[in-house]
N, C-alpha and C. Protein backbone atom coordinates (compact mmCIF):
# COMPACT_ATOMS: atom_id res chain seq x y z
N MET A 1 13.21 13.69 -7.94
CA MET A 1 14.03 12.62 -8.17
C MET A 1 15.24 13.38 -9.36
N THR A 2 16.39 13.36 -9.35
CA THR A 2 17.21 13.37 -10.40
C THR A 2 17.72 12.46 -11.28
N THR A 3 17.97 12.35 -12.42
CA THR A 3 18.35 11.56 -13.08
C THR A 3 19.36 10.60 -13.21
N GLU A 4 19.85 11.06 -11.86
CA GLU A 4 20.98 10.13 -11.48
C GLU A 4 20.59 9.02 -10.37
N GLN A 5 19.27 9.59 -9.64
CA GLN A 5 19.03 8.61 -8.39
C GLN A 5 18.28 7.68 -9.01
N LEU A 6 18.78 6.47 -8.26
CA LEU A 6 17.84 5.48 -8.43
C LEU A 6 16.09 5.27 -7.53
N PRO A 7 15.41 4.44 -7.69
CA PRO A 7 14.62 4.60 -6.92
C PRO A 7 14.72 4.57 -5.69
N ASP A 8 15.55 3.70 -5.18
CA ASP A 8 15.98 3.07 -4.08
C ASP A 8 16.32 4.12 -3.02
N GLU A 9 17.30 5.57 -4.15
CA GLU A 9 17.84 6.07 -3.11
C GLU A 9 16.91 7.59 -2.97
N TYR A 10 15.88 7.61 -3.95
CA TYR A 10 15.02 8.73 -4.29
C TYR A 10 14.28 8.36 -2.92
N TRP A 11 13.53 7.45 -2.10
CA TRP A 11 12.97 6.88 -1.51
C TRP A 11 13.68 7.13 0.16
N ASN A 12 14.50 6.51 -0.02
CA ASN A 12 15.89 6.54 1.11
C ASN A 12 15.84 8.07 1.45
N GLU A 13 16.03 8.88 0.18
CA GLU A 13 16.16 10.74 0.62
C GLU A 13 14.92 11.14 1.14
N PHE A 14 13.74 10.98 0.65
CA PHE A 14 12.83 11.02 1.09
C PHE A 14 12.01 10.65 2.42
N TYR A 15 12.55 9.77 2.65
CA TYR A 15 12.10 9.41 4.30
C TYR A 15 13.33 10.38 5.39
N SER A 16 14.58 10.09 4.75
CA SER A 16 15.36 10.50 5.54
C SER A 16 15.70 12.45 6.31
N GLU A 17 14.27 13.40 5.00
CA GLU A 17 14.24 14.32 5.11
C GLU A 17 13.49 14.48 6.56
N HIS A 18 12.25 13.57 6.61
CA HIS A 18 11.83 14.17 8.24
C HIS A 18 11.95 12.75 9.14
N GLU A 19 11.72 13.28 10.46
CA GLU A 19 11.54 12.41 11.49
C GLU A 19 10.58 11.15 11.61
N GLN A 20 9.12 11.57 10.73
CA GLN A 20 8.31 11.01 10.45
C GLN A 20 7.47 11.33 9.74
N VAL A 21 7.19 10.98 8.23
CA VAL A 21 6.84 11.23 7.33
C VAL A 21 5.05 11.19 7.51
N TRP A 22 4.54 9.81 7.35
CA TRP A 22 3.20 9.98 7.88
C TRP A 22 2.83 9.82 9.17
N SER A 23 1.01 9.44 9.32
CA SER A 23 0.25 9.59 10.57
C SER A 23 0.89 8.84 11.88
N GLY A 24 1.13 7.64 11.21
CA GLY A 24 1.44 6.57 12.25
C GLY A 24 0.08 5.85 12.71
N LYS A 25 -0.99 6.40 11.96
CA LYS A 25 -2.40 5.83 11.84
C LYS A 25 -3.05 4.58 10.69
N PRO A 26 -3.48 3.55 10.95
CA PRO A 26 -3.82 3.03 9.33
C PRO A 26 -4.70 3.79 8.49
N ASN A 27 -4.91 3.93 7.36
CA ASN A 27 -5.72 4.71 6.34
C ASN A 27 -7.40 4.43 6.98
N VAL A 28 -8.35 5.15 7.02
CA VAL A 28 -9.43 4.46 7.32
C VAL A 28 -10.21 3.42 6.72
N ALA A 29 -10.05 4.18 5.43
CA ALA A 29 -10.65 2.76 4.09
C ALA A 29 -10.30 1.67 4.81
N PHE A 30 -8.53 1.45 4.58
CA PHE A 30 -8.10 0.30 4.78
C PHE A 30 -8.71 -0.47 5.90
N ALA A 31 -8.63 0.33 7.14
CA ALA A 31 -9.13 -0.06 8.11
C ALA A 31 -10.92 -0.92 8.37
N GLU A 32 -11.28 -0.03 7.64
CA GLU A 32 -12.88 -0.32 7.47
C GLU A 32 -13.16 -1.47 6.86
N GLU A 33 -12.39 -1.72 5.50
CA GLU A 33 -12.68 -3.01 4.67
C GLU A 33 -11.74 -4.39 5.25
N VAL A 34 -11.05 -4.28 6.42
CA VAL A 34 -10.06 -5.21 6.43
C VAL A 34 -10.36 -5.69 7.98
N SER A 35 -11.63 -4.82 8.95
CA SER A 35 -11.78 -4.95 10.55
C SER A 35 -12.48 -6.25 9.83
N GLY A 36 -13.69 -6.66 9.28
CA GLY A 36 -14.40 -7.95 9.40
C GLY A 36 -13.97 -9.52 8.69
N LEU A 37 -12.25 -9.05 8.27
CA LEU A 37 -11.67 -10.17 7.99
C LEU A 37 -11.17 -11.30 8.92
N THR A 38 -11.27 -12.64 8.86
CA THR A 38 -10.66 -13.54 9.86
C THR A 38 -8.78 -13.37 9.95
N PRO A 39 -8.25 -12.91 11.18
CA PRO A 39 -6.65 -13.00 11.00
C PRO A 39 -6.13 -14.11 9.89
N GLY A 40 -4.90 -14.17 9.15
CA GLY A 40 -4.41 -14.93 8.92
C GLY A 40 -2.74 -14.93 8.24
N ARG A 41 -2.37 -14.87 7.09
CA ARG A 41 -1.15 -14.25 7.00
C ARG A 41 -1.77 -13.08 5.55
N ALA A 42 -0.67 -11.64 6.14
CA ALA A 42 -1.01 -10.92 5.11
C ALA A 42 0.14 -10.41 4.43
N LEU A 43 0.41 -9.60 3.14
CA LEU A 43 1.12 -9.12 2.76
C LEU A 43 1.01 -7.68 2.51
N ASP A 44 1.43 -6.55 2.85
CA ASP A 44 1.65 -5.28 2.89
C ASP A 44 2.60 -4.65 2.08
N LEU A 45 2.17 -4.49 0.83
CA LEU A 45 3.05 -4.03 -0.38
C LEU A 45 3.17 -2.34 -0.49
N GLY A 46 4.51 -1.62 -0.06
CA GLY A 46 5.05 -0.41 0.11
C GLY A 46 4.12 0.18 1.80
N CYS A 47 4.63 -0.39 2.40
CA CYS A 47 4.02 -0.41 3.92
C CYS A 47 4.86 0.79 4.10
N GLY A 48 5.60 1.48 3.77
CA GLY A 48 6.08 3.14 4.67
C GLY A 48 6.55 2.61 5.65
N GLU A 49 6.54 3.48 7.01
CA GLU A 49 6.85 3.33 8.32
C GLU A 49 6.02 2.44 9.21
N GLY A 50 5.26 1.55 8.41
CA GLY A 50 4.45 0.26 9.00
C GLY A 50 3.60 0.25 9.84
N ALA A 51 2.32 1.74 9.73
CA ALA A 51 1.34 1.85 10.34
C ALA A 51 -0.04 0.51 9.96
N ASP A 52 0.28 0.63 9.01
CA ASP A 52 -0.79 -0.72 8.41
C ASP A 52 -0.54 -2.03 8.97
N ALA A 53 0.59 -2.69 8.55
CA ALA A 53 0.96 -3.67 9.07
C ALA A 53 1.16 -3.94 10.89
N ILE A 54 1.64 -2.63 11.52
CA ILE A 54 1.67 -2.89 13.06
C ILE A 54 0.04 -2.78 13.32
N TRP A 55 -0.86 -2.18 12.80
CA TRP A 55 -2.09 -2.31 13.04
C TRP A 55 -2.78 -3.56 12.81
N LEU A 56 -2.64 -4.54 11.58
CA LEU A 56 -2.88 -5.72 11.50
C LEU A 56 -1.96 -6.68 12.75
N ALA A 57 -0.89 -6.69 12.83
CA ALA A 57 -0.40 -7.67 14.03
C ALA A 57 -0.93 -7.63 15.08
N GLN A 58 -1.50 -6.15 15.29
CA GLN A 58 -1.95 -6.19 17.04
C GLN A 58 -3.31 -7.26 16.61
N ARG A 59 -3.86 -7.21 15.72
CA ARG A 59 -5.35 -7.76 15.51
C ARG A 59 -5.07 -9.15 14.81
N GLY A 60 -3.88 -9.89 15.11
CA GLY A 60 -3.95 -11.22 15.15
C GLY A 60 -2.97 -11.73 13.99
N TRP A 61 -2.77 -10.68 12.99
CA TRP A 61 -2.16 -11.08 11.72
C TRP A 61 -1.14 -11.33 11.97
N ALA A 62 -0.12 -12.26 11.13
CA ALA A 62 1.20 -12.85 10.60
C ALA A 62 1.68 -11.84 9.70
N VAL A 63 2.41 -10.89 9.81
CA VAL A 63 2.94 -9.93 8.10
C VAL A 63 3.89 -9.88 7.98
N THR A 64 3.29 -9.79 6.77
CA THR A 64 5.18 -9.46 5.58
C THR A 64 5.16 -8.27 5.12
N ALA A 65 5.82 -7.47 5.60
CA ALA A 65 5.73 -5.86 4.80
C ALA A 65 7.04 -5.49 3.91
N VAL A 66 6.48 -5.14 3.10
CA VAL A 66 7.54 -4.86 1.92
C VAL A 66 7.81 -3.44 1.90
N ASP A 67 9.11 -2.79 1.80
CA ASP A 67 8.71 -1.81 1.00
C ASP A 67 10.18 -1.22 0.41
N ILE A 68 10.58 -0.24 -0.36
CA ILE A 68 12.06 -0.43 -1.24
C ILE A 68 13.11 0.53 -0.05
N SER A 69 12.50 1.38 1.02
CA SER A 69 13.49 2.04 1.05
C SER A 69 13.61 1.46 2.59
N THR A 70 14.70 1.39 2.57
CA THR A 70 15.80 1.03 4.17
C THR A 70 15.42 1.64 5.19
N VAL A 71 15.15 3.11 5.16
CA VAL A 71 15.27 3.94 5.61
C VAL A 71 13.97 3.63 6.35
N ALA A 72 12.81 3.55 5.56
CA ALA A 72 11.47 3.40 6.12
C ALA A 72 11.18 2.03 7.13
N LEU A 73 11.55 1.12 5.97
CA LEU A 73 12.01 0.12 6.63
C LEU A 73 12.55 -0.35 8.49
N GLY A 74 13.71 0.29 8.67
CA GLY A 74 14.15 0.32 9.70
C GLY A 74 13.28 1.59 10.86
N ARG A 75 12.49 2.20 10.42
CA ARG A 75 11.87 3.00 11.24
C ARG A 75 10.54 1.99 11.49
N ALA A 76 9.87 1.57 10.96
CA ALA A 76 8.71 0.78 10.65
C ALA A 76 9.08 -0.07 11.90
N ALA A 77 10.45 -1.16 11.79
CA ALA A 77 10.74 -2.29 12.73
C ALA A 77 10.51 -1.64 13.88
N GLU A 78 11.12 -0.40 14.58
CA GLU A 78 11.44 0.38 15.72
C GLU A 78 9.92 0.61 16.04
N HIS A 79 9.26 0.88 15.38
CA HIS A 79 7.54 1.48 15.91
C HIS A 79 6.86 -0.02 16.07
N ALA A 80 7.46 -0.98 15.19
CA ALA A 80 6.74 -2.57 15.47
C ALA A 80 7.18 -2.85 17.01
N ARG A 81 8.67 -2.83 16.96
CA ARG A 81 8.78 -3.29 18.42
C ARG A 81 8.17 -2.44 19.75
N ALA A 82 8.19 -1.00 19.62
CA ALA A 82 8.05 0.08 20.26
C ALA A 82 5.88 -0.38 21.24
N ALA A 83 5.19 -0.87 19.86
CA ALA A 83 4.04 -1.68 19.82
C ALA A 83 3.56 -3.22 20.32
N GLY A 84 4.96 -3.73 20.82
CA GLY A 84 4.57 -4.96 21.07
C GLY A 84 4.63 -6.12 20.38
N VAL A 85 4.70 -5.65 18.88
CA VAL A 85 4.29 -6.68 18.16
C VAL A 85 5.35 -6.68 16.99
N GLY A 86 6.83 -6.75 17.36
CA GLY A 86 7.86 -6.81 16.66
C GLY A 86 7.67 -8.30 15.92
N ASP A 87 7.43 -9.44 16.95
CA ASP A 87 8.06 -10.89 16.22
C ASP A 87 6.68 -11.60 15.34
N ARG A 88 5.82 -10.49 15.33
CA ARG A 88 4.59 -10.83 13.96
C ARG A 88 4.60 -10.01 12.69
N ILE A 89 5.76 -9.63 12.77
CA ILE A 89 6.06 -8.85 11.31
C ILE A 89 7.60 -9.15 10.95
N GLU A 90 7.50 -9.90 9.66
CA GLU A 90 8.48 -10.18 8.86
C GLU A 90 8.75 -8.95 7.61
N TRP A 91 10.03 -7.32 8.18
CA TRP A 91 10.17 -6.85 6.89
C TRP A 91 10.99 -7.20 5.88
N GLN A 92 10.63 -7.09 4.70
CA GLN A 92 11.55 -7.34 3.31
C GLN A 92 11.83 -6.17 2.92
N GLN A 93 13.18 -5.82 2.05
CA GLN A 93 12.99 -5.19 1.00
C GLN A 93 12.93 -5.06 -0.57
N HIS A 94 12.03 -4.65 -1.07
CA HIS A 94 12.38 -5.57 -2.53
C HIS A 94 11.96 -3.86 -3.23
N GLU A 95 12.51 -3.45 -4.72
CA GLU A 95 12.00 -3.11 -5.64
C GLU A 95 10.39 -3.50 -6.20
N LEU A 96 9.90 -3.54 -6.05
CA LEU A 96 8.84 -3.94 -7.03
C LEU A 96 8.28 -3.58 -8.12
N GLY A 97 8.11 -4.94 -8.81
CA GLY A 97 8.35 -5.16 -10.43
C GLY A 97 9.98 -5.68 -10.44
N LYS A 98 10.39 -5.40 -9.82
CA LYS A 98 11.96 -6.35 -9.70
C LYS A 98 11.89 -7.48 -9.09
N SER A 99 11.41 -7.23 -7.88
CA SER A 99 11.47 -8.19 -7.10
C SER A 99 10.22 -9.01 -6.27
N PHE A 100 9.68 -9.66 -5.86
CA PHE A 100 8.20 -9.90 -5.09
C PHE A 100 8.78 -10.76 -4.09
N PRO A 101 7.87 -10.41 -2.87
CA PRO A 101 8.05 -11.25 -1.58
C PRO A 101 7.07 -12.94 -1.93
N ASP A 102 7.83 -14.33 -1.77
CA ASP A 102 7.72 -15.38 -1.82
C ASP A 102 6.24 -15.61 -0.85
N GLY A 103 5.35 -16.80 -1.32
CA GLY A 103 4.49 -17.56 -0.54
C GLY A 103 3.01 -16.72 -1.21
N GLU A 104 1.81 -17.38 -0.52
CA GLU A 104 -0.06 -16.77 -0.55
C GLU A 104 -0.31 -16.16 0.61
N PHE A 105 -1.01 -15.55 0.55
CA PHE A 105 -1.40 -14.82 1.49
C PHE A 105 -3.22 -14.58 1.55
N ASP A 106 -3.46 -14.64 2.93
CA ASP A 106 -4.95 -14.31 2.87
C ASP A 106 -5.43 -12.67 2.49
N LEU A 107 -4.63 -11.98 2.71
CA LEU A 107 -4.86 -10.39 2.52
C LEU A 107 -3.68 -10.07 1.66
N VAL A 108 -3.97 -9.85 0.67
CA VAL A 108 -2.66 -8.46 0.45
C VAL A 108 -3.37 -7.59 0.15
N SER A 109 -2.41 -6.60 0.70
CA SER A 109 -2.67 -5.17 0.94
C SER A 109 -2.04 -3.95 -0.22
N VAL A 110 -2.36 -3.08 -1.25
CA VAL A 110 -1.41 -2.47 -1.72
C VAL A 110 -2.25 -0.75 -1.69
N GLN A 111 -1.69 -0.26 -0.93
CA GLN A 111 -2.31 1.43 -0.45
C GLN A 111 -1.50 2.46 -1.12
N PHE A 112 -2.36 2.74 -1.53
CA PHE A 112 -1.69 4.01 -2.42
C PHE A 112 -0.11 3.63 -3.57
N LEU A 113 -0.60 2.98 -4.43
CA LEU A 113 0.63 2.66 -5.07
C LEU A 113 1.02 3.44 -6.26
N HIS A 114 1.08 5.34 -5.97
CA HIS A 114 2.18 5.98 -6.62
C HIS A 114 3.25 6.30 -6.35
N SER A 115 3.60 7.14 -7.48
CA SER A 115 5.55 7.47 -7.14
C SER A 115 5.77 8.33 -8.67
N LYS A 116 6.78 9.47 -7.97
CA LYS A 116 7.21 10.27 -8.64
C LYS A 116 8.49 9.50 -9.60
N THR A 117 8.51 8.53 -9.21
CA THR A 117 9.59 7.85 -10.10
C THR A 117 8.66 6.78 -10.78
N GLU A 118 9.31 5.99 -11.90
CA GLU A 118 9.27 5.00 -12.56
C GLU A 118 8.22 4.08 -12.16
N LEU A 119 7.15 3.95 -12.43
CA LEU A 119 6.91 2.58 -11.48
C LEU A 119 5.36 1.75 -12.19
N PRO A 120 6.05 0.86 -12.54
CA PRO A 120 5.31 -0.26 -12.82
C PRO A 120 4.20 -1.24 -12.61
N ARG A 121 2.83 -0.44 -12.70
CA ARG A 121 1.86 -0.90 -11.82
C ARG A 121 1.61 -1.88 -12.06
N ASP A 122 0.87 -2.57 -13.51
CA ASP A 122 0.79 -3.97 -14.02
C ASP A 122 1.32 -4.98 -13.12
N GLY A 123 2.80 -4.72 -13.57
CA GLY A 123 4.01 -5.40 -13.33
C GLY A 123 3.88 -5.37 -11.58
N ILE A 124 3.09 -4.72 -10.93
CA ILE A 124 3.11 -5.23 -9.48
C ILE A 124 1.44 -5.42 -8.92
N LEU A 125 0.82 -4.79 -9.63
CA LEU A 125 -0.58 -5.76 -9.12
C LEU A 125 -0.41 -6.99 -9.53
N ARG A 126 -0.56 -7.60 -10.67
CA ARG A 126 -0.32 -8.72 -10.76
C ARG A 126 0.01 -9.69 -10.07
N PRO A 127 1.47 -9.85 -10.02
CA PRO A 127 1.62 -10.37 -9.00
C PRO A 127 1.35 -10.47 -7.58
N ALA A 128 0.83 -9.12 -7.36
CA ALA A 128 -0.05 -9.49 -6.00
C ALA A 128 -1.25 -9.85 -6.20
N ALA A 129 -1.75 -9.80 -6.92
CA ALA A 129 -3.19 -10.59 -7.26
C ALA A 129 -2.73 -12.14 -6.73
N ALA A 130 -1.74 -12.79 -7.65
CA ALA A 130 -1.02 -14.32 -7.91
C ALA A 130 -0.83 -14.44 -6.52
N ALA A 131 -0.53 -13.64 -5.80
CA ALA A 131 0.15 -13.90 -4.14
C ALA A 131 -1.29 -14.50 -3.39
N VAL A 132 -2.62 -13.89 -3.72
CA VAL A 132 -3.51 -14.22 -3.08
C VAL A 132 -4.28 -15.85 -3.14
N ALA A 133 -4.49 -16.33 -1.81
CA ALA A 133 -4.28 -17.43 -1.53
C ALA A 133 -6.14 -17.69 -2.17
N PRO A 134 -6.04 -18.74 -2.17
CA PRO A 134 -7.79 -19.49 -2.34
C PRO A 134 -8.59 -18.61 -1.32
N GLY A 135 -10.13 -17.76 -1.63
CA GLY A 135 -10.63 -17.88 -0.45
C GLY A 135 -9.86 -15.98 0.20
N GLY A 136 -8.97 -15.94 -0.08
CA GLY A 136 -8.02 -14.63 0.65
C GLY A 136 -8.61 -13.59 -0.07
N VAL A 137 -8.51 -11.95 0.20
CA VAL A 137 -8.84 -11.16 -0.27
C VAL A 137 -7.47 -9.99 -0.63
N LEU A 138 -7.58 -9.47 -1.93
CA LEU A 138 -6.70 -8.22 -2.35
C LEU A 138 -7.42 -7.08 -1.97
N LEU A 139 -6.85 -6.40 -1.31
CA LEU A 139 -7.24 -4.48 -1.16
C LEU A 139 -6.36 -3.74 -1.63
N ILE A 140 -6.92 -2.88 -2.93
CA ILE A 140 -5.87 -1.82 -3.03
C ILE A 140 -7.30 -0.12 -3.12
N GLU A 141 -6.04 0.58 -2.47
CA GLU A 141 -6.80 1.96 -2.56
C GLU A 141 -5.69 3.03 -3.23
N GLY A 142 -6.44 3.93 -3.80
CA GLY A 142 -5.74 4.67 -4.60
C GLY A 142 -6.14 6.08 -4.70
N HIS A 143 -5.16 7.15 -4.96
CA HIS A 143 -5.89 8.41 -4.86
C HIS A 143 -6.11 8.66 -6.54
N LEU A 144 -6.69 9.99 -6.22
CA LEU A 144 -7.61 10.10 -7.78
C LEU A 144 -7.01 10.90 -8.27
N GLY A 145 -6.16 11.74 -7.58
CA GLY A 145 -5.73 12.99 -8.24
C GLY A 145 -4.68 13.30 -7.20
N PHE A 146 -3.74 14.70 -7.32
CA PHE A 146 -3.16 15.29 -6.33
C PHE A 146 -3.97 16.10 -5.37
N PRO A 147 -3.18 16.57 -4.35
CA PRO A 147 -3.80 17.61 -3.13
C PRO A 147 -4.44 18.51 -3.82
N PRO A 148 -5.76 18.91 -3.45
CA PRO A 148 -6.20 20.16 -3.74
C PRO A 148 -5.37 21.14 -3.61
N GLY A 149 -5.05 22.11 -4.48
CA GLY A 149 -4.27 23.25 -4.55
C GLY A 149 -2.63 22.85 -4.80
N GLU A 150 -2.58 21.59 -4.67
CA GLU A 150 -1.04 21.36 -4.93
C GLU A 150 -0.63 21.67 -6.26
N HIS A 151 0.75 22.11 -6.89
CA HIS A 151 0.92 21.88 -8.50
C HIS A 151 1.51 20.30 -8.37
N ASN A 152 0.82 20.39 -9.91
CA ASN A 152 1.16 19.18 -10.53
C ASN A 152 2.27 18.90 -10.98
N PRO A 153 3.94 18.50 -10.60
CA PRO A 153 4.92 18.21 -11.39
C PRO A 153 4.97 17.49 -12.39
N HIS A 154 3.69 16.59 -12.65
CA HIS A 154 3.53 15.49 -13.09
C HIS A 154 2.49 15.09 -14.34
N PRO A 155 1.93 16.24 -15.12
CA PRO A 155 0.91 16.10 -15.45
C PRO A 155 0.25 15.04 -16.19
N ASP A 156 1.44 14.06 -16.90
CA ASP A 156 1.06 12.92 -17.40
C ASP A 156 1.30 11.73 -16.78
N ILE A 157 1.01 12.17 -15.32
CA ILE A 157 0.87 11.05 -14.17
C ILE A 157 -0.72 10.79 -14.55
N HIS A 158 -1.28 9.53 -14.49
CA HIS A 158 -2.46 9.09 -14.37
C HIS A 158 -3.02 8.16 -13.60
N PHE A 159 -4.18 8.70 -12.71
CA PHE A 159 -4.51 8.37 -11.65
C PHE A 159 -6.01 7.42 -11.97
N PRO A 160 -5.62 6.32 -11.76
CA PRO A 160 -6.86 5.23 -12.11
C PRO A 160 -7.42 5.20 -11.55
N GLY A 161 -8.54 5.14 -11.98
CA GLY A 161 -10.13 5.04 -10.98
C GLY A 161 -10.40 3.36 -10.88
N PRO A 162 -11.34 3.18 -10.27
CA PRO A 162 -11.57 1.53 -9.77
C PRO A 162 -12.07 0.25 -10.88
N ASP A 163 -12.18 0.62 -11.46
CA ASP A 163 -12.59 -0.17 -12.77
C ASP A 163 -11.59 -0.18 -13.88
N GLU A 164 -10.45 0.59 -14.03
CA GLU A 164 -9.15 0.72 -14.51
C GLU A 164 -8.53 0.15 -13.92
N VAL A 165 -8.18 0.12 -12.47
CA VAL A 165 -7.87 -0.97 -11.83
C VAL A 165 -8.22 -2.62 -11.75
N ILE A 166 -9.32 -2.73 -12.03
CA ILE A 166 -9.69 -4.14 -12.04
C ILE A 166 -9.25 -4.50 -13.26
N GLU A 167 -9.60 -3.89 -14.31
CA GLU A 167 -9.45 -4.12 -15.83
C GLU A 167 -7.98 -4.65 -15.69
N SER A 168 -6.72 -3.49 -15.33
CA SER A 168 -5.50 -3.52 -15.50
C SER A 168 -4.62 -4.95 -15.00
N LEU A 169 -5.79 -5.74 -14.07
CA LEU A 169 -5.27 -7.37 -13.35
C LEU A 169 -5.16 -8.16 -14.41
N ALA A 170 -6.28 -7.99 -15.25
CA ALA A 170 -6.59 -9.08 -16.23
C ALA A 170 -6.71 -10.54 -15.69
N LEU A 171 -7.53 -10.49 -14.61
CA LEU A 171 -8.14 -11.63 -13.81
C LEU A 171 -8.92 -12.58 -14.67
N PRO A 172 -8.41 -14.12 -14.16
CA PRO A 172 -9.31 -14.96 -15.24
C PRO A 172 -10.40 -14.95 -14.96
N ASP A 173 -11.33 -15.19 -15.64
CA ASP A 173 -12.96 -15.05 -15.89
C ASP A 173 -13.21 -16.38 -14.66
N GLY A 174 -14.27 -15.55 -13.68
CA GLY A 174 -14.92 -16.72 -12.66
C GLY A 174 -13.93 -16.87 -11.39
N GLU A 175 -12.48 -16.60 -11.58
CA GLU A 175 -11.75 -16.95 -10.66
C GLU A 175 -12.11 -15.49 -9.20
N TRP A 176 -12.55 -14.75 -9.56
CA TRP A 176 -12.77 -13.51 -8.57
C TRP A 176 -13.77 -13.16 -8.19
N GLU A 177 -14.45 -12.83 -7.47
CA GLU A 177 -15.65 -11.76 -6.91
C GLU A 177 -15.08 -10.39 -6.09
N THR A 178 -15.36 -9.47 -7.12
CA THR A 178 -15.78 -8.14 -6.73
C THR A 178 -16.32 -7.81 -5.38
N LEU A 179 -15.81 -7.42 -4.07
CA LEU A 179 -16.90 -6.79 -2.90
C LEU A 179 -16.64 -5.69 -3.29
N VAL A 180 -15.82 -4.81 -2.98
CA VAL A 180 -16.04 -3.03 -3.31
C VAL A 180 -15.43 -2.77 -4.65
N SER A 181 -16.33 -1.59 -5.17
CA SER A 181 -14.75 -1.23 -6.15
C SER A 181 -15.99 0.05 -6.07
N ARG A 182 -15.11 1.76 -5.80
CA ARG A 182 -16.25 2.57 -5.26
C ARG A 182 -15.23 3.80 -5.48
N GLU A 183 -15.59 5.34 -5.77
CA GLU A 183 -14.79 5.86 -5.37
C GLU A 183 -14.97 6.67 -4.20
N HIS A 184 -14.24 7.47 -3.29
CA HIS A 184 -14.98 8.39 -2.14
C HIS A 184 -14.03 9.21 -1.62
N GLU A 185 -14.42 10.12 -0.71
CA GLU A 185 -13.76 11.20 -0.21
C GLU A 185 -13.14 10.58 1.30
N ARG A 186 -11.87 11.51 1.30
CA ARG A 186 -11.33 10.65 2.21
C ARG A 186 -10.61 12.16 3.20
N ALA A 187 -10.83 12.68 4.63
CA ALA A 187 -10.24 13.53 5.17
C ALA A 187 -8.83 13.17 5.50
N GLN A 188 -7.78 14.17 4.85
CA GLN A 188 -6.42 13.73 5.26
C GLN A 188 -5.73 15.09 5.75
N VAL A 189 -4.55 14.84 6.47
CA VAL A 189 -4.16 16.07 7.71
C VAL A 189 -2.66 15.94 6.65
N MET A 190 -2.26 17.23 6.37
CA MET A 190 -1.33 17.15 5.71
C MET A 190 0.03 17.78 6.70
N ARG A 191 1.30 17.51 6.11
CA ARG A 191 2.45 17.60 7.20
C ARG A 191 2.46 19.11 8.30
N ASP A 192 1.73 20.22 7.58
CA ASP A 192 1.94 21.91 8.30
C ASP A 192 0.54 21.55 8.94
N GLY A 193 -0.63 20.38 9.48
CA GLY A 193 -1.68 20.51 10.24
C GLY A 193 -2.55 20.98 9.42
N GLU A 194 -2.97 21.60 8.07
CA GLU A 194 -4.04 21.86 7.07
C GLU A 194 -4.84 20.27 6.85
N LEU A 195 -6.38 20.76 7.21
CA LEU A 195 -7.22 19.32 6.68
C LEU A 195 -7.46 19.14 5.46
N ILE A 196 -7.61 18.41 4.54
CA ILE A 196 -8.15 18.44 3.34
C ILE A 196 -8.60 17.48 3.09
N ASN A 197 -9.66 17.37 1.94
CA ASN A 197 -10.35 16.26 1.05
C ASN A 197 -9.59 15.74 0.14
N ARG A 198 -9.56 14.59 -0.23
CA ARG A 198 -8.76 13.93 -1.05
C ARG A 198 -9.70 12.82 -1.75
N ARG A 199 -9.32 12.59 -3.16
CA ARG A 199 -10.67 11.77 -3.46
C ARG A 199 -9.80 10.51 -3.98
N ASP A 200 -10.23 9.24 -3.16
CA ASP A 200 -9.64 8.24 -3.29
C ASP A 200 -10.59 7.08 -4.51
N CYS A 201 -9.88 6.03 -4.35
CA CYS A 201 -10.95 4.42 -5.02
C CYS A 201 -10.37 3.46 -4.26
N THR A 202 -11.54 2.61 -3.80
CA THR A 202 -11.23 0.99 -3.06
C THR A 202 -11.52 0.10 -4.06
N VAL A 203 -10.11 -0.63 -4.10
CA VAL A 203 -11.09 -1.97 -4.43
C VAL A 203 -10.61 -2.99 -3.76
N LYS A 204 -11.79 -4.07 -3.82
CA LYS A 204 -11.38 -5.32 -3.12
C LYS A 204 -12.18 -6.44 -3.67
N LEU A 205 -11.47 -7.28 -3.61
CA LEU A 205 -11.48 -8.54 -4.52
C LEU A 205 -11.21 -9.71 -3.58
N ARG A 206 -11.99 -10.94 -3.74
CA ARG A 206 -11.63 -11.98 -2.95
C ARG A 206 -12.04 -13.09 -4.48
N ARG A 207 -10.64 -13.99 -4.01
CA ARG A 207 -10.21 -14.88 -4.83
C ARG A 207 -11.07 -16.14 -4.28
N ARG A 208 -11.82 -16.83 -5.47
CA ARG A 208 -12.80 -17.84 -5.24
C ARG A 208 -12.17 -19.17 -4.54
């Protein structure tokens, strides 16, 4: 990102550099944690090219999917139409931290909230928690570092662990139940086909 670029410009450029950036498949940990939930209204924050939103819609969820990049959202909408679930997903463009979708949701999913641009994590995660309906679930997945062997261009970037994520939410006492708080390894296929192991963390909370 150059000093002249705004976050939406950076992410539109990021997605425009490749016909497809991500695998088109939902994150394994995400799918495992959501599979047992009763479908309802879901909010997918940072939906990218739409793999998680499409997976949810195919299983009966009504999905609001949000990203900063209009390029990614357009690509995601095309994928959803091709999968036959375009009518079950509402795509919204937001620069999270400045604007946020309206409504309450039975599932709020935040997958890999990391960026090389400035990112107000607390200003995104706390509204995400507030958007969870009573009885609903907040699911947060995050990396615990850069991929093995990749140069870290921003050594000041901090990757919070699960306990730090929960603490940063500043949740009211007695209002939430922690279902999952763990670190784990995950296999990831890189763009060049290389298979690597990444260390991630999962936080899954239920609003009472």
